[in-house]
Amino acid sequence: MSANTENRPETSSGEPHSDFFETLNALRDSGAMNMMGAPRWLEENYDLNWADAKAVFISWTESFN
């Protein structure tokens, strides 16, 4: 699964991380990887820094509560 870095949401600007949730759900549903690797995948595929990628991942996991 490849991601388009041109349309990535800005996480440092205070926009909701939920813009990434559809992508993370599709990645999870594909079974292509263990989702514990998702922060690194976000970092590499969306050119996020580690803190932003981890924050997106945590927000996504908390959305299941």
C-alpha atoms as a PDB file:
ATOM      1  CA  MET A   1       0.000   0.000   0.000  1.00  0.00           C
ATOM      2  CA  SER A   2       1.498   3.319  -0.982  1.00  0.00           C
ATOM      3  CA  ALA A   3       0.482   6.729   0.232  1.00  0.00           C
ATOM      4  CA  ASN A   4       0.290  10.064  -1.496  1.00  0.00           C
ATOM      5  CA  THR A   5       2.469  12.577   0.346  1.00  0.00           C
ATOM      6  CA  GLU A   6       1.132  15.543  -1.647  1.00  0.00           C
ATOM      7  CA  ASN A   7      -2.269  15.441   0.079  1.00  0.00           C
ATOM      8  CA  ARG A   8      -1.216  14.593   3.599  1.00  0.00           C
ATOM      9  CA  PRO A   9      -2.938  16.482   6.397  1.00  0.00           C
ATOM     10  CA  GLU A  10      -0.824  18.792   8.501  1.00  0.00           C
ATOM     11  CA  THR A  11      -0.623  17.474  12.038  1.00  0.00           C
ATOM     12  CA  SER A  12       1.417  20.227  13.668  1.00  0.00           C
ATOM     13  CA  SER A  13      -1.131  22.883  12.722  1.00  0.00           C
ATOM     14  CA  GLY A  14      -3.754  21.587  15.144  1.00  0.00           C
ATOM     15  CA  GLU A  15      -5.907  19.876  12.515  1.00  0.00           C
ATOM     16  CA  PRO A  16      -7.577  16.660  13.668  1.00  0.00           C
ATOM     17  CA  HIS A  17      -5.619  13.481  13.173  1.00  0.00           C
ATOM     18  CA  SER A  18      -8.816  11.806  12.010  1.00  0.00           C
ATOM     19  CA  ASP A  19      -7.840  12.715   8.455  1.00  0.00           C
ATOM     20  CA  PHE A  20      -5.458   9.753   8.674  1.00  0.00           C
ATOM     21  CA  PHE A  21      -7.971   7.291  10.144  1.00  0.00           C
ATOM     22  CA  GLU A  22      -9.373   6.081   6.813  1.00  0.00           C
ATOM     23  CA  THR A  23      -5.850   5.283   5.615  1.00  0.00           C
ATOM     24  CA  LEU A  24      -5.001   3.481   8.854  1.00  0.00           C
ATOM     25  CA  ASN A  25      -8.255   1.508   8.716  1.00  0.00           C
ATOM     26  CA  ALA A  26      -7.492   0.432   5.135  1.00  0.00           C
ATOM     27  CA  LEU A  27      -3.966  -0.575   6.146  1.00  0.00           C
ATOM     28  CA  ARG A  28      -5.315  -2.604   9.079  1.00  0.00           C
ATOM     29  CA  ASP A  29      -7.996  -4.247   6.923  1.00  0.00           C
ATOM     30  CA  SER A  30      -5.421  -5.198   4.281  1.00  0.00           C
ATOM     31  CA  GLY A  31      -3.515  -7.313   6.810  1.00  0.00           C
ATOM     32  CA  ALA A  32      -0.300  -6.140   5.133  1.00  0.00           C
ATOM     33  CA  MET A  33       1.432  -5.361   8.413  1.00  0.00           C
ATOM     34  CA  ASN A  34       1.256  -5.509  12.180  1.00  0.00           C
ATOM     35  CA  MET A  35      -0.298  -2.193  13.161  1.00  0.00           C
ATOM     36  CA  MET A  36       2.319  -1.619  15.836  1.00  0.00           C
ATOM     37  CA  GLY A  37       4.484  -0.618  12.867  1.00  0.00           C
ATOM     38  CA  ALA A  38       1.969   2.018  11.748  1.00  0.00           C
ATOM     39  CA  PRO A  39       3.753   4.999  13.334  1.00  0.00           C
ATOM     40  CA  ARG A  40       6.914   4.217  11.370  1.00  0.00           C
ATOM     41  CA  TRP A  41       4.801   3.618   8.227  1.00  0.00           C
ATOM     42  CA  LEU A  42       3.140   7.019   8.704  1.00  0.00           C
ATOM     43  CA  GLU A  43       6.515   8.637   9.267  1.00  0.00           C
ATOM     44  CA  GLU A  44       7.922   7.162   6.046  1.00  0.00           C
ATOM     45  CA  ASN A  45       4.871   7.432   3.783  1.00  0.00           C
ATOM     46  CA  TYR A  46       3.567  10.821   4.858  1.00  0.00           C
ATOM     47  CA  ASP A  47       6.887  12.459   5.681  1.00  0.00           C
ATOM     48  CA  LEU A  48       5.802  13.038   9.279  1.00  0.00           C
ATOM     49  CA  ASN A  49       8.218  13.476  12.126  1.00  0.00           C
ATOM     50  CA  TRP A  50       8.185  10.749  14.771  1.00  0.00           C
ATOM     51  CA  ALA A  51       6.159  12.774  17.298  1.00  0.00           C
ATOM     52  CA  ASP A  52       3.400  13.553  14.780  1.00  0.00           C
ATOM     53  CA  ALA A  53       3.278   9.978  13.493  1.00  0.00           C
ATOM     54  CA  LYS A  54       3.011   8.621  17.028  1.00  0.00           C
ATOM     55  CA  ALA A  55       0.312  11.183  17.929  1.00  0.00           C
ATOM     56  CA  VAL A  56      -1.736  10.183  14.876  1.00  0.00           C
ATOM     57  CA  PHE A  57      -1.400   6.504  15.778  1.00  0.00           C
ATOM     58  CA  ILE A  58      -2.416   7.090  19.402  1.00  0.00           C
ATOM     59  CA  SER A  59      -5.443   9.157  18.318  1.00  0.00           C
ATOM     60  CA  TRP A  60      -6.450   6.384  15.912  1.00  0.00           C
ATOM     61  CA  THR A  61      -6.165   3.660  18.565  1.00  0.00           C
ATOM     62  CA  GLU A  62      -8.128   5.774  21.071  1.00  0.00           C
ATOM     63  CA  SER A  63     -10.936   6.161  18.534  1.00  0.00           C
ATOM     64  CA  PHE A  64     -11.829   2.510  19.203  1.00  0.00           C
ATOM     65  CA  ASN A  65     -12.745   3.203  22.851  1.00  0.00           C
END
